Structure formats: structure tokens, C-alpha cells
Amino acid sequence: MVPPHYNTTPISPIRMKRRFEEVLEIEPQTCHERDLRDSLIDSQENERALKRRLVEVQTGMVMANVYVGQTQTQLQEDEERKKQKGKGSNRLNADGMPKLFTGPEFMSAAQKHHDDREAKEKEKEQRVEEGTKYTADLGVWKKEEAERVERNNQRRSQHKTALAAWKVESDRAKSQKRRAGWLKPKLGDLEKGRPKPKKQTAVALPSTSRQNGDDED
């Protein structure tokens, strides 16, 4: 908001020499002429007093107008700094100064502003797409991991059962002084999982838990 501008009024200098000096130098001949002369003198003194007061008032208004203008400029600069702090300004006329809209500088700034907005929009869309893809890939990976862990657990369970049966057979064979009817079963290599998906542009989320311990087998 722009404060109202105070329009000054020209004031002529205060003359120390009284007007009608020649008339006032004439010695009055009657009481009426003396009263008129005194009234003229009082009128001139009142005029000088009013003019001095008007000068004082107008001077105060001019100084106040200058102070208000400077204060408004400082407030606008502070607001612009706060808006631009931590982020780029999105306003083409951020400094508040007049611009020629068809001038090359403004047209160049407008084109740059347009390009920057398009780049930010594309970057935002890309982040959304990559975030959606990452969420989908992560869901598939978690499902595959759960199935892989289940299959490995089944193999461990089967191996444990087979190992227990072989031990019984081995003990029987020893008591009968013969070889066991079959070789000791081996667990073999467990199924390995594929790496966890990572975000491409965004910072990867910290791992909430280490990968299943069955990969160490």
C-alpha cells in the first residue's frame, strides 16, 4: 500500500519590511485615522504570525512524508528478503521497480521464469512417477522375498527330517556292522534374493532391517 503524497504549497518569504510602509509613516490627523493605522499594523503582524505557523506546519508535513516513504521502502525490502529467503522468487517484478513489459530485459526474465516453472513441474512429475514405480517395485520385491524365505525354510525343514532319518539309519548300520543304506543328506545352496530396489532421484530410504539371515547359509 502506497501512503498518500502530501502536495506542498509555495509560500512567499516573510518580509521584515511592512507593507504600506509609506502610508504608515504618515502621521494620522484624526482618531479614526489612528485607529485605522493601528488595525493595519495588527493585521500585518497577524499575517506574519500565520505565515510562520504555516511554514512550520508544512515543513513538518514534508519531513513526515519523507520519513514515511523511507520507512515504506525499508518494509518492502524486508518483505522481499523474507519471501526470497530459502527459495527463489517467483515474481518477475520482485524489486517493486517499474518495468517495460515489452523490453528485452523483462521479456528475457519472463522467458526464464516460464522455463524454470516448466522445469520444476517436469521434475515434480518425474519424482511422482519414480516414487510410484519405486513403491510398486518395492511391493514386488517384498512379495518375492517372503516367497523365497518360505521356500528356503521348507528346504531346511526337509533337510532336518532327512538328516534325522539318516542318523537313525547310521546308528542301526553301526550296530549291525554295515554301511548306512544311503549317504548323509546335504542342505546344499539356498536360494539367493535379488537386491532391494532403490530410488533413483530421491534419497534412498534407510534400511529398517537387515536382509534375512538365511542368505548367509
N, C-alpha and C. Protein backbone atom coordinates (compact mmCIF):
# COMPACT_ATOMS: atom_id res chain seq x y z
N MET A 1 0.85 -1.19 0.00
CA MET A 1 0.00 0.00 0.00
C MET A 1 0.88 1.23 0.00
N VAL A 2 0.63 2.16 -0.92
CA VAL A 2 1.42 3.39 -1.04
C VAL A 2 0.77 4.49 -0.21
N PRO A 3 1.53 5.13 0.70
CA PRO A 3 0.94 6.20 1.50
C PRO A 3 0.59 7.40 0.64
N PRO A 4 -0.44 8.19 1.04
CA PRO A 4 -0.82 9.38 0.25
C PRO A 4 0.31 10.40 0.23
N HIS A 5 0.47 11.03 -0.94
CA HIS A 5 1.54 12.01 -1.10
C HIS A 5 1.03 13.39 -0.68
N TYR A 6 1.84 14.10 0.08
CA TYR A 6 1.48 15.44 0.53
C TYR A 6 1.93 16.46 -0.52
N ASN A 7 0.97 17.18 -1.05
CA ASN A 7 1.26 18.21 -2.05
C ASN A 7 1.57 19.53 -1.35
N THR A 8 2.80 20.02 -1.52
CA THR A 8 3.20 21.26 -0.86
C THR A 8 2.63 22.46 -1.61
N THR A 9 2.54 23.55 -0.88
CA THR A 9 2.04 24.81 -1.44
C THR A 9 3.15 25.86 -1.36
N PRO A 10 3.48 26.53 -2.46
CA PRO A 10 4.53 27.57 -2.39
C PRO A 10 4.14 28.68 -1.41
N ILE A 11 5.09 29.08 -0.59
CA ILE A 11 4.87 30.14 0.40
C ILE A 11 5.92 31.21 0.15
N SER A 12 5.47 32.43 -0.03
CA SER A 12 6.41 33.53 -0.27
C SER A 12 7.19 33.85 1.00
N PRO A 13 8.40 34.38 0.88
CA PRO A 13 9.21 34.68 2.07
C PRO A 13 8.52 35.72 2.97
N ILE A 14 8.83 35.60 4.25
CA ILE A 14 8.28 36.56 5.22
C ILE A 14 9.09 37.84 5.12
N ARG A 15 8.43 38.91 4.79
CA ARG A 15 9.11 40.19 4.63
C ARG A 15 9.19 40.91 5.97
N MET A 16 10.44 41.29 6.30
CA MET A 16 10.63 42.03 7.54
C MET A 16 10.09 43.46 7.42
N LYS A 17 10.15 43.99 6.20
CA LYS A 17 9.63 45.34 5.98
C LYS A 17 8.13 45.27 5.77
N ARG A 18 7.39 46.06 6.54
CA ARG A 18 5.95 46.02 6.45
C ARG A 18 5.45 46.67 5.16
N ARG A 19 4.36 46.08 4.68
CA ARG A 19 3.72 46.70 3.53
C ARG A 19 3.07 48.02 3.96
N PHE A 20 2.77 48.77 2.97
CA PHE A 20 2.14 50.08 3.23
C PHE A 20 3.00 50.94 4.17
N GLU A 21 4.35 50.76 4.03
CA GLU A 21 5.25 51.49 4.92
C GLU A 21 5.09 53.00 4.75
N GLU A 22 4.92 53.40 3.51
CA GLU A 22 4.79 54.84 3.28
C GLU A 22 3.51 55.38 3.88
N VAL A 23 2.45 54.58 3.81
CA VAL A 23 1.17 55.03 4.38
C VAL A 23 1.27 55.12 5.89
N LEU A 24 1.97 54.12 6.48
CA LEU A 24 2.06 54.08 7.94
C LEU A 24 2.97 55.19 8.49
N GLU A 25 3.86 55.75 7.61
CA GLU A 25 4.73 56.81 8.08
C GLU A 25 4.00 58.15 8.18
N ILE A 26 2.83 58.21 7.55
CA ILE A 26 2.06 59.46 7.60
C ILE A 26 1.43 59.60 8.98
N GLU A 27 1.62 60.69 9.60
CA GLU A 27 1.06 60.94 10.93
C GLU A 27 -0.45 61.12 10.83
N PRO A 28 -1.21 60.28 11.55
CA PRO A 28 -2.68 60.41 11.49
C PRO A 28 -3.13 61.77 12.03
N GLN A 29 -4.16 62.31 11.41
CA GLN A 29 -4.66 63.62 11.80
C GLN A 29 -5.87 63.49 12.71
N THR A 30 -6.53 62.39 12.65
CA THR A 30 -7.75 62.23 13.45
C THR A 30 -7.66 60.90 14.20
N CYS A 31 -8.55 60.73 15.18
CA CYS A 31 -8.61 59.46 15.94
C CYS A 31 -8.99 58.29 15.03
N HIS A 32 -9.83 58.55 14.08
CA HIS A 32 -10.23 57.49 13.17
C HIS A 32 -9.06 57.02 12.32
N GLU A 33 -8.23 57.95 11.83
CA GLU A 33 -7.06 57.57 11.06
C GLU A 33 -6.06 56.79 11.91
N ARG A 34 -5.95 57.20 13.22
CA ARG A 34 -5.05 56.48 14.12
C ARG A 34 -5.53 55.05 14.33
N ASP A 35 -6.86 54.88 14.49
CA ASP A 35 -7.40 53.53 14.67
C ASP A 35 -7.18 52.66 13.42
N LEU A 36 -7.34 53.25 12.25
CA LEU A 36 -7.12 52.51 11.01
C LEU A 36 -5.66 52.09 10.87
N ARG A 37 -4.73 53.00 11.25
CA ARG A 37 -3.31 52.66 11.16
C ARG A 37 -2.97 51.52 12.11
N ASP A 38 -3.49 51.61 13.35
CA ASP A 38 -3.22 50.54 14.32
C ASP A 38 -3.80 49.19 13.86
N SER A 39 -4.98 49.23 13.27
CA SER A 39 -5.60 48.00 12.78
C SER A 39 -4.78 47.39 11.65
N LEU A 40 -4.23 48.28 10.78
CA LEU A 40 -3.41 47.80 9.67
C LEU A 40 -2.13 47.16 10.19
N ILE A 41 -1.53 47.78 11.24
CA ILE A 41 -0.31 47.20 11.83
C ILE A 41 -0.61 45.83 12.45
N ASP A 42 -1.74 45.74 13.21
CA ASP A 42 -2.11 44.46 13.82
C ASP A 42 -2.39 43.39 12.76
N SER A 43 -3.03 43.81 11.66
CA SER A 43 -3.33 42.86 10.60
C SER A 43 -2.07 42.30 9.97
N GLN A 44 -1.06 43.18 9.78
CA GLN A 44 0.19 42.72 9.20
C GLN A 44 0.94 41.78 10.15
N GLU A 45 0.90 42.07 11.45
CA GLU A 45 1.55 41.20 12.42
C GLU A 45 0.87 39.82 12.47
N ASN A 46 -0.47 39.84 12.41
CA ASN A 46 -1.19 38.57 12.37
C ASN A 46 -0.86 37.75 11.11
N GLU A 47 -0.72 38.45 10.00
CA GLU A 47 -0.39 37.76 8.75
C GLU A 47 0.99 37.10 8.85
N ARG A 48 1.97 37.83 9.44
CA ARG A 48 3.30 37.26 9.61
C ARG A 48 3.26 36.04 10.53
N ALA A 49 2.50 36.13 11.61
CA ALA A 49 2.41 35.00 12.55
C ALA A 49 1.78 33.78 11.89
N LEU A 50 0.72 34.01 11.11
CA LEU A 50 0.07 32.90 10.41
C LEU A 50 1.00 32.27 9.37
N LYS A 51 1.76 33.11 8.67
CA LYS A 51 2.67 32.58 7.66
C LYS A 51 3.78 31.77 8.32
N ARG A 52 4.33 32.25 9.46
CA ARG A 52 5.35 31.47 10.17
C ARG A 52 4.78 30.13 10.62
N ARG A 53 3.55 30.15 11.13
CA ARG A 53 2.93 28.90 11.56
C ARG A 53 2.70 27.95 10.39
N LEU A 54 2.28 28.48 9.24
CA LEU A 54 2.05 27.67 8.06
C LEU A 54 3.35 27.04 7.57
N VAL A 55 4.46 27.81 7.63
CA VAL A 55 5.76 27.29 7.24
C VAL A 55 6.16 26.14 8.16
N GLU A 56 5.94 26.30 9.47
CA GLU A 56 6.28 25.24 10.43
C GLU A 56 5.46 23.97 10.16
N VAL A 57 4.16 24.16 9.92
CA VAL A 57 3.29 23.00 9.66
C VAL A 57 3.69 22.29 8.38
N GLN A 58 3.92 23.05 7.30
CA GLN A 58 4.26 22.44 6.03
C GLN A 58 5.62 21.77 6.11
N THR A 59 6.57 22.35 6.82
CA THR A 59 7.88 21.72 7.00
C THR A 59 7.74 20.37 7.70
N GLY A 60 6.91 20.37 8.77
CA GLY A 60 6.68 19.10 9.49
C GLY A 60 6.04 18.05 8.60
N MET A 61 5.08 18.45 7.75
CA MET A 61 4.41 17.51 6.86
C MET A 61 5.39 16.96 5.82
N VAL A 62 6.26 17.83 5.29
CA VAL A 62 7.24 17.38 4.29
C VAL A 62 8.19 16.37 4.91
N MET A 63 8.69 16.66 6.11
CA MET A 63 9.61 15.73 6.78
C MET A 63 8.92 14.41 7.11
N ALA A 64 7.67 14.49 7.56
CA ALA A 64 6.92 13.27 7.86
C ALA A 64 6.70 12.44 6.60
N ASN A 65 6.41 13.12 5.48
CA ASN A 65 6.19 12.41 4.22
C ASN A 65 7.46 11.69 3.76
N VAL A 66 8.62 12.36 3.92
CA VAL A 66 9.90 11.74 3.57
C VAL A 66 10.16 10.53 4.46
N TYR A 67 9.90 10.67 5.76
CA TYR A 67 10.13 9.57 6.70
C TYR A 67 9.23 8.37 6.38
N VAL A 68 7.96 8.64 6.09
CA VAL A 68 7.03 7.56 5.77
C VAL A 68 7.46 6.84 4.49
N GLY A 69 7.92 7.61 3.50
CA GLY A 69 8.38 6.99 2.26
C GLY A 69 9.58 6.09 2.48
N GLN A 70 10.56 6.58 3.27
CA GLN A 70 11.74 5.76 3.56
C GLN A 70 11.36 4.50 4.35
N THR A 71 10.46 4.66 5.31
CA THR A 71 10.03 3.52 6.11
C THR A 71 9.32 2.49 5.26
N GLN A 72 8.46 2.96 4.34
CA GLN A 72 7.75 2.02 3.46
C GLN A 72 8.73 1.26 2.58
N THR A 73 9.74 1.95 2.07
CA THR A 73 10.75 1.28 1.24
C THR A 73 11.49 0.20 2.02
N GLN A 74 11.86 0.52 3.26
CA GLN A 74 12.55 -0.45 4.10
C GLN A 74 11.67 -1.66 4.39
N LEU A 75 10.38 -1.41 4.66
CA LEU A 75 9.45 -2.52 4.94
C LEU A 75 9.29 -3.41 3.71
N GLN A 76 9.18 -2.79 2.53
CA GLN A 76 9.06 -3.57 1.30
C GLN A 76 10.31 -4.41 1.05
N GLU A 77 11.49 -3.82 1.30
CA GLU A 77 12.73 -4.58 1.13
C GLU A 77 12.80 -5.75 2.10
N ASP A 78 12.37 -5.51 3.35
CA ASP A 78 12.37 -6.60 4.34
C ASP A 78 11.42 -7.72 3.93
N GLU A 79 10.24 -7.35 3.42
CA GLU A 79 9.28 -8.37 2.98
C GLU A 79 9.83 -9.17 1.80
N GLU A 80 10.48 -8.49 0.85
CA GLU A 80 11.05 -9.19 -0.28
C GLU A 80 12.16 -10.14 0.15
N ARG A 81 13.00 -9.69 1.11
CA ARG A 81 14.06 -10.56 1.60
C ARG A 81 13.50 -11.80 2.29
N LYS A 82 12.41 -11.62 3.05
CA LYS A 82 11.79 -12.76 3.73
C LYS A 82 11.19 -13.73 2.72
N LYS A 83 10.59 -13.19 1.65
CA LYS A 83 9.99 -14.06 0.64
C LYS A 83 11.06 -14.82 -0.13
N GLN A 84 12.20 -14.16 -0.37
CA GLN A 84 13.25 -14.79 -1.16
C GLN A 84 14.18 -15.65 -0.32
N LYS A 85 14.06 -15.58 1.01
CA LYS A 85 14.94 -16.35 1.89
C LYS A 85 14.65 -17.84 1.76
N GLY A 86 15.63 -18.60 1.43
CA GLY A 86 15.50 -20.04 1.34
C GLY A 86 14.88 -20.55 0.06
N LYS A 87 14.45 -19.65 -0.82
CA LYS A 87 13.88 -20.10 -2.09
C LYS A 87 13.95 -18.97 -3.09
N GLY A 88 13.90 -19.31 -4.33
CA GLY A 88 13.94 -18.30 -5.38
C GLY A 88 12.62 -17.56 -5.48
N SER A 89 12.69 -16.32 -5.88
CA SER A 89 11.47 -15.54 -6.01
C SER A 89 10.72 -15.93 -7.27
N ASN A 90 9.40 -16.03 -7.16
CA ASN A 90 8.56 -16.37 -8.30
C ASN A 90 7.95 -15.14 -8.95
N ARG A 91 8.38 -13.95 -8.51
CA ARG A 91 7.80 -12.72 -9.04
C ARG A 91 8.76 -12.08 -10.04
N LEU A 92 8.21 -11.68 -11.15
CA LEU A 92 9.04 -11.02 -12.16
C LEU A 92 9.39 -9.60 -11.75
N ASN A 93 8.54 -8.98 -10.96
CA ASN A 93 8.76 -7.60 -10.54
C ASN A 93 9.04 -7.57 -9.05
N ALA A 94 9.97 -8.43 -8.62
CA ALA A 94 10.20 -8.62 -7.19
C ALA A 94 10.77 -7.38 -6.52
N ASP A 95 11.50 -6.53 -7.27
CA ASP A 95 12.10 -5.36 -6.64
C ASP A 95 11.14 -4.19 -6.55
N GLY A 96 9.94 -4.32 -7.11
CA GLY A 96 8.95 -3.27 -7.00
C GLY A 96 9.17 -2.08 -7.90
N MET A 97 10.21 -2.13 -8.73
CA MET A 97 10.52 -1.02 -9.62
C MET A 97 9.72 -1.16 -10.91
N PRO A 98 9.42 -0.02 -11.57
CA PRO A 98 8.66 -0.10 -12.82
C PRO A 98 9.43 -0.82 -13.91
N LYS A 99 8.72 -1.57 -14.74
CA LYS A 99 9.33 -2.34 -15.82
C LYS A 99 8.60 -2.05 -17.13
N LEU A 100 9.34 -2.12 -18.24
CA LEU A 100 8.74 -2.04 -19.57
C LEU A 100 8.47 -3.47 -20.01
N PHE A 101 7.18 -3.84 -20.06
CA PHE A 101 6.80 -5.23 -20.31
C PHE A 101 7.27 -5.74 -21.67
N THR A 102 7.45 -4.83 -22.63
CA THR A 102 7.91 -5.25 -23.95
C THR A 102 9.41 -5.10 -24.12
N GLY A 103 10.11 -4.70 -23.05
CA GLY A 103 11.55 -4.52 -23.13
C GLY A 103 12.28 -5.85 -23.16
N PRO A 104 13.48 -5.88 -23.74
CA PRO A 104 14.22 -7.15 -23.86
C PRO A 104 14.57 -7.76 -22.51
N GLU A 105 14.89 -6.93 -21.51
CA GLU A 105 15.27 -7.47 -20.22
C GLU A 105 14.08 -8.17 -19.56
N PHE A 106 12.91 -7.53 -19.60
CA PHE A 106 11.73 -8.14 -18.98
C PHE A 106 11.31 -9.38 -19.75
N MET A 107 11.37 -9.33 -21.10
CA MET A 107 10.98 -10.49 -21.90
C MET A 107 11.91 -11.67 -21.61
N SER A 108 13.22 -11.38 -21.47
CA SER A 108 14.16 -12.44 -21.15
C SER A 108 13.88 -13.02 -19.77
N ALA A 109 13.58 -12.14 -18.80
CA ALA A 109 13.26 -12.61 -17.45
C ALA A 109 11.97 -13.43 -17.46
N ALA A 110 10.99 -13.00 -18.25
CA ALA A 110 9.72 -13.73 -18.33
C ALA A 110 9.93 -15.11 -18.94
N GLN A 111 10.77 -15.20 -19.99
CA GLN A 111 11.04 -16.48 -20.61
C GLN A 111 11.77 -17.42 -19.64
N LYS A 112 12.73 -16.87 -18.91
CA LYS A 112 13.46 -17.67 -17.93
C LYS A 112 12.52 -18.14 -16.82
N HIS A 113 11.63 -17.25 -16.40
CA HIS A 113 10.65 -17.61 -15.38
C HIS A 113 9.76 -18.74 -15.87
N HIS A 114 9.33 -18.64 -17.13
CA HIS A 114 8.48 -19.69 -17.71
C HIS A 114 9.23 -21.02 -17.81
N ASP A 115 10.48 -20.95 -18.27
CA ASP A 115 11.28 -22.18 -18.41
C ASP A 115 11.54 -22.82 -17.05
N ASP A 116 11.82 -21.98 -16.05
CA ASP A 116 12.08 -22.52 -14.71
C ASP A 116 10.85 -23.22 -14.15
N ARG A 117 9.67 -22.61 -14.37
CA ARG A 117 8.44 -23.23 -13.88
C ARG A 117 8.18 -24.56 -14.58
N GLU A 118 8.40 -24.60 -15.90
CA GLU A 118 8.20 -25.86 -16.63
C GLU A 118 9.18 -26.92 -16.15
N ALA A 119 10.44 -26.52 -15.91
CA ALA A 119 11.44 -27.49 -15.44
C ALA A 119 11.06 -28.03 -14.07
N LYS A 120 10.56 -27.16 -13.21
CA LYS A 120 10.15 -27.61 -11.87
C LYS A 120 8.95 -28.53 -11.95
N GLU A 121 8.01 -28.22 -12.84
CA GLU A 121 6.84 -29.08 -13.00
C GLU A 121 7.24 -30.46 -13.52
N LYS A 122 8.15 -30.47 -14.52
CA LYS A 122 8.60 -31.76 -15.05
C LYS A 122 9.35 -32.55 -13.99
N GLU A 123 10.18 -31.85 -13.22
CA GLU A 123 10.92 -32.53 -12.16
C GLU A 123 9.96 -33.11 -11.12
N LYS A 124 8.93 -32.35 -10.81
CA LYS A 124 7.93 -32.83 -9.85
C LYS A 124 7.21 -34.06 -10.39
N GLU A 125 6.80 -33.99 -11.67
CA GLU A 125 6.12 -35.15 -12.28
C GLU A 125 7.04 -36.36 -12.31
N GLN A 126 8.32 -36.12 -12.61
CA GLN A 126 9.28 -37.23 -12.65
C GLN A 126 9.44 -37.86 -11.27
N ARG A 127 9.49 -37.02 -10.24
CA ARG A 127 9.61 -37.56 -8.88
C ARG A 127 8.38 -38.38 -8.50
N VAL A 128 7.19 -37.91 -8.94
CA VAL A 128 5.97 -38.66 -8.64
C VAL A 128 5.99 -40.00 -9.36
N GLU A 129 6.38 -39.99 -10.65
CA GLU A 129 6.44 -41.24 -11.41
C GLU A 129 7.45 -42.21 -10.81
N GLU A 130 8.63 -41.69 -10.47
CA GLU A 130 9.65 -42.56 -9.91
C GLU A 130 9.24 -43.08 -8.53
N GLY A 131 8.54 -42.21 -7.77
CA GLY A 131 8.06 -42.66 -6.47
C GLY A 131 7.02 -43.77 -6.61
N THR A 132 6.12 -43.62 -7.60
CA THR A 132 5.11 -44.65 -7.84
C THR A 132 5.77 -45.95 -8.28
N LYS A 133 6.73 -45.84 -9.20
CA LYS A 133 7.44 -47.03 -9.68
C LYS A 133 8.22 -47.70 -8.54
N TYR A 134 8.86 -46.86 -7.70
CA TYR A 134 9.62 -47.42 -6.58
C TYR A 134 8.70 -48.17 -5.61
N THR A 135 7.54 -47.59 -5.34
CA THR A 135 6.59 -48.25 -4.44
C THR A 135 6.14 -49.59 -5.01
N ALA A 136 5.85 -49.61 -6.34
CA ALA A 136 5.42 -50.85 -6.97
C ALA A 136 6.55 -51.89 -6.96
N ASP A 137 7.76 -51.46 -7.32
CA ASP A 137 8.90 -52.39 -7.33
C ASP A 137 9.19 -52.93 -5.93
N LEU A 138 9.07 -52.04 -4.93
CA LEU A 138 9.32 -52.48 -3.56
C LEU A 138 8.28 -53.51 -3.12
N GLY A 139 7.03 -53.31 -3.53
CA GLY A 139 5.98 -54.28 -3.19
C GLY A 139 6.26 -55.64 -3.81
N VAL A 140 6.68 -55.64 -5.08
CA VAL A 140 7.01 -56.91 -5.75
C VAL A 140 8.20 -57.57 -5.07
N TRP A 141 9.21 -56.77 -4.72
CA TRP A 141 10.41 -57.32 -4.06
C TRP A 141 10.07 -57.96 -2.72
N LYS A 142 9.23 -57.28 -1.94
CA LYS A 142 8.84 -57.83 -0.64
C LYS A 142 8.08 -59.15 -0.80
N LYS A 143 7.21 -59.22 -1.81
CA LYS A 143 6.47 -60.46 -2.05
C LYS A 143 7.42 -61.59 -2.45
N GLU A 144 8.36 -61.26 -3.36
CA GLU A 144 9.33 -62.27 -3.78
C GLU A 144 10.20 -62.72 -2.61
N GLU A 145 10.59 -61.78 -1.75
CA GLU A 145 11.41 -62.11 -0.60
C GLU A 145 10.68 -63.05 0.36
N ALA A 146 9.39 -62.76 0.61
CA ALA A 146 8.61 -63.62 1.50
C ALA A 146 8.49 -65.03 0.94
N GLU A 147 8.27 -65.13 -0.38
CA GLU A 147 8.17 -66.45 -1.00
C GLU A 147 9.51 -67.18 -0.97
N ARG A 148 10.60 -66.45 -1.20
CA ARG A 148 11.94 -67.06 -1.17
C ARG A 148 12.26 -67.58 0.22
N VAL A 149 11.98 -66.78 1.24
CA VAL A 149 12.25 -67.21 2.62
C VAL A 149 11.43 -68.45 2.96
N GLU A 150 10.19 -68.49 2.50
CA GLU A 150 9.34 -69.66 2.76
C GLU A 150 9.91 -70.91 2.09
N ARG A 151 10.36 -70.78 0.85
CA ARG A 151 10.93 -71.93 0.16
C ARG A 151 12.21 -72.42 0.85
N ASN A 152 13.06 -71.50 1.27
CA ASN A 152 14.28 -71.88 1.97
C ASN A 152 13.98 -72.55 3.30
N ASN A 153 12.95 -72.04 4.01
CA ASN A 153 12.56 -72.67 5.28
C ASN A 153 12.05 -74.09 5.06
N GLN A 154 11.30 -74.29 3.96
CA GLN A 154 10.83 -75.64 3.65
C GLN A 154 12.00 -76.58 3.36
N ARG A 155 13.00 -76.09 2.65
CA ARG A 155 14.18 -76.91 2.37
C ARG A 155 14.92 -77.25 3.66
N ARG A 156 15.04 -76.28 4.57
CA ARG A 156 15.69 -76.55 5.85
C ARG A 156 14.91 -77.63 6.63
N SER A 157 13.59 -77.47 6.61
CA SER A 157 12.76 -78.44 7.35
C SER A 157 12.91 -79.84 6.76
N GLN A 158 12.89 -79.94 5.40
CA GLN A 158 13.05 -81.23 4.75
C GLN A 158 14.45 -81.83 5.03
N HIS A 159 15.45 -80.95 5.01
CA HIS A 159 16.81 -81.42 5.29
C HIS A 159 16.93 -81.91 6.72
N LYS A 160 16.30 -81.23 7.65
CA LYS A 160 16.35 -81.65 9.05
C LYS A 160 15.69 -83.02 9.23
N THR A 161 14.55 -83.22 8.55
CA THR A 161 13.85 -84.51 8.63
C THR A 161 14.71 -85.62 8.02
N ALA A 162 15.29 -85.32 6.85
CA ALA A 162 16.14 -86.33 6.19
C ALA A 162 17.38 -86.63 7.00
N LEU A 163 17.95 -85.60 7.64
CA LEU A 163 19.15 -85.80 8.45
C LEU A 163 18.85 -86.66 9.67
N ALA A 164 17.66 -86.45 10.26
CA ALA A 164 17.27 -87.27 11.42
C ALA A 164 17.09 -88.73 11.01
N ALA A 165 16.46 -88.97 9.86
CA ALA A 165 16.27 -90.35 9.38
C ALA A 165 17.62 -91.00 9.07
N TRP A 166 18.53 -90.25 8.48
CA TRP A 166 19.86 -90.81 8.17
C TRP A 166 20.61 -91.17 9.43
N LYS A 167 20.48 -90.34 10.50
CA LYS A 167 21.18 -90.64 11.74
C LYS A 167 20.67 -91.94 12.35
N VAL A 168 19.35 -92.14 12.27
CA VAL A 168 18.80 -93.40 12.76
C VAL A 168 19.38 -94.57 11.97
N GLU A 169 19.40 -94.43 10.66
CA GLU A 169 19.95 -95.48 9.79
C GLU A 169 21.43 -95.68 10.04
N SER A 170 22.15 -94.59 10.30
CA SER A 170 23.60 -94.70 10.54
C SER A 170 23.87 -95.45 11.84
N ASP A 171 23.10 -95.13 12.88
CA ASP A 171 23.27 -95.82 14.16
C ASP A 171 22.93 -97.31 14.02
N ARG A 172 21.88 -97.64 13.28
CA ARG A 172 21.49 -99.04 13.07
C ARG A 172 22.59 -99.78 12.29
N ALA A 173 23.15 -99.08 11.29
CA ALA A 173 24.19 -99.71 10.48
C ALA A 173 25.43 -99.99 11.31
N LYS A 174 25.76 -99.08 12.22
CA LYS A 174 26.93 -99.29 13.07
C LYS A 174 26.72 -100.50 13.98
N SER A 175 25.50 -100.62 14.52
CA SER A 175 25.23 -101.75 15.42
C SER A 175 25.24 -103.08 14.66
N GLN A 176 24.92 -103.03 13.40
CA GLN A 176 24.90 -104.24 12.57
C GLN A 176 26.20 -104.42 11.79
N LYS A 177 27.13 -103.49 12.04
CA LYS A 177 28.45 -103.55 11.39
C LYS A 177 28.32 -103.59 9.87
N ARG A 178 27.60 -102.58 9.39
CA ARG A 178 27.45 -102.42 7.94
C ARG A 178 27.40 -100.92 7.62
N ARG A 179 27.42 -100.66 6.33
CA ARG A 179 27.31 -99.26 5.91
C ARG A 179 25.84 -98.82 5.93
N ALA A 180 25.68 -97.48 6.10
CA ALA A 180 24.32 -96.95 6.06
C ALA A 180 23.74 -97.13 4.67
N GLY A 181 22.44 -97.28 4.63
CA GLY A 181 21.79 -97.55 3.36
C GLY A 181 21.84 -96.38 2.39
N TRP A 182 22.12 -95.18 2.83
CA TRP A 182 22.23 -94.03 1.91
C TRP A 182 23.20 -92.99 2.49
N LEU A 183 23.65 -92.11 1.65
CA LEU A 183 24.63 -91.11 2.06
C LEU A 183 23.97 -90.03 2.95
N LYS A 184 24.82 -89.40 3.70
CA LYS A 184 24.32 -88.31 4.56
C LYS A 184 23.77 -87.18 3.70
N PRO A 185 22.53 -86.79 3.96
CA PRO A 185 21.95 -85.71 3.13
C PRO A 185 22.63 -84.36 3.38
N LYS A 186 22.73 -83.57 2.33
CA LYS A 186 23.32 -82.23 2.43
C LYS A 186 22.25 -81.17 2.11
N LEU A 187 22.37 -80.06 2.81
CA LEU A 187 21.39 -78.98 2.58
C LEU A 187 21.58 -78.34 1.22
N GLY A 188 22.80 -78.14 0.81
CA GLY A 188 23.05 -77.50 -0.48
C GLY A 188 22.89 -75.98 -0.41
N ASP A 189 23.00 -75.35 -1.54
CA ASP A 189 22.89 -73.89 -1.61
C ASP A 189 21.43 -73.45 -1.54
N LEU A 190 21.18 -72.47 -0.67
CA LEU A 190 19.84 -71.91 -0.58
C LEU A 190 19.63 -70.85 -1.67
N GLU A 191 18.39 -70.58 -1.93
CA GLU A 191 18.03 -69.60 -2.97
C GLU A 191 18.39 -68.18 -2.50
N LYS A 192 19.11 -67.45 -3.33
CA LYS A 192 19.51 -66.07 -3.01
C LYS A 192 18.48 -65.08 -3.53
N GLY A 193 18.32 -64.00 -2.80
CA GLY A 193 17.38 -62.97 -3.22
C GLY A 193 18.06 -61.91 -4.07
N ARG A 194 17.27 -61.18 -4.83
CA ARG A 194 17.82 -60.08 -5.64
C ARG A 194 17.92 -58.81 -4.80
N PRO A 195 18.75 -57.87 -5.18
CA PRO A 195 18.93 -56.65 -4.38
C PRO A 195 17.62 -55.88 -4.21
N LYS A 196 17.54 -55.19 -3.09
CA LYS A 196 16.37 -54.37 -2.82
C LYS A 196 16.33 -53.17 -3.75
N PRO A 197 15.15 -52.81 -4.31
CA PRO A 197 15.07 -51.64 -5.20
C PRO A 197 15.47 -50.36 -4.49
N LYS A 198 16.05 -49.44 -5.25
CA LYS A 198 16.46 -48.15 -4.71
C LYS A 198 15.82 -47.03 -5.50
N LYS A 199 15.58 -45.93 -4.82
CA LYS A 199 15.05 -44.75 -5.51
C LYS A 199 16.14 -44.16 -6.39
N GLN A 200 15.73 -43.61 -7.53
CA GLN A 200 16.70 -43.11 -8.49
C GLN A 200 17.13 -41.68 -8.17
N THR A 201 16.14 -40.77 -7.99
CA THR A 201 16.46 -39.36 -7.78
C THR A 201 16.39 -38.97 -6.33
N ALA A 202 15.43 -39.52 -5.60
CA ALA A 202 15.30 -39.19 -4.20
C ALA A 202 16.32 -39.97 -3.39
N VAL A 203 16.55 -39.51 -2.18
CA VAL A 203 17.47 -40.20 -1.29
C VAL A 203 16.86 -41.52 -0.88
N ALA A 204 17.64 -42.57 -0.96
CA ALA A 204 17.13 -43.90 -0.64
C ALA A 204 16.74 -43.96 0.83
N LEU A 205 15.64 -44.65 1.11
CA LEU A 205 15.19 -44.80 2.49
C LEU A 205 16.19 -45.67 3.25
N PRO A 206 16.43 -45.35 4.53
CA PRO A 206 17.33 -46.18 5.32
C PRO A 206 16.74 -47.55 5.55
N SER A 207 17.59 -48.56 5.58
CA SER A 207 17.11 -49.93 5.76
C SER A 207 16.58 -50.10 7.17
N THR A 208 15.35 -50.57 7.28
CA THR A 208 14.73 -50.74 8.59
C THR A 208 15.13 -52.05 9.23
N SER A 209 15.58 -53.00 8.44
CA SER A 209 16.01 -54.29 8.98
C SER A 209 16.99 -54.92 8.01
N ARG A 210 17.94 -55.69 8.53
CA ARG A 210 18.93 -56.33 7.67
C ARG A 210 18.25 -57.46 6.90
N GLN A 211 18.83 -57.76 5.75
CA GLN A 211 18.24 -58.78 4.90
C GLN A 211 18.23 -60.12 5.65
N ASN A 212 17.26 -60.96 5.31
CA ASN A 212 17.05 -62.19 6.06
C ASN A 212 18.33 -62.98 6.22
N GLY A 213 18.51 -63.60 7.41
CA GLY A 213 19.75 -64.29 7.72
C GLY A 213 19.95 -65.56 6.96
N ASP A 214 18.90 -66.01 6.22
CA ASP A 214 19.07 -67.26 5.51
C ASP A 214 20.00 -67.13 4.33
N ASP A 215 20.34 -65.86 3.95
CA ASP A 215 21.26 -65.67 2.84
C ASP A 215 22.67 -66.06 3.21
N GLU A 216 22.94 -66.15 4.53
CA GLU A 216 24.27 -66.45 4.96
C GLU A 216 24.57 -67.94 4.85
N ASP A 217 23.49 -68.77 4.71
CA ASP A 217 23.70 -70.21 4.65
C ASP A 217 24.33 -70.59 3.33
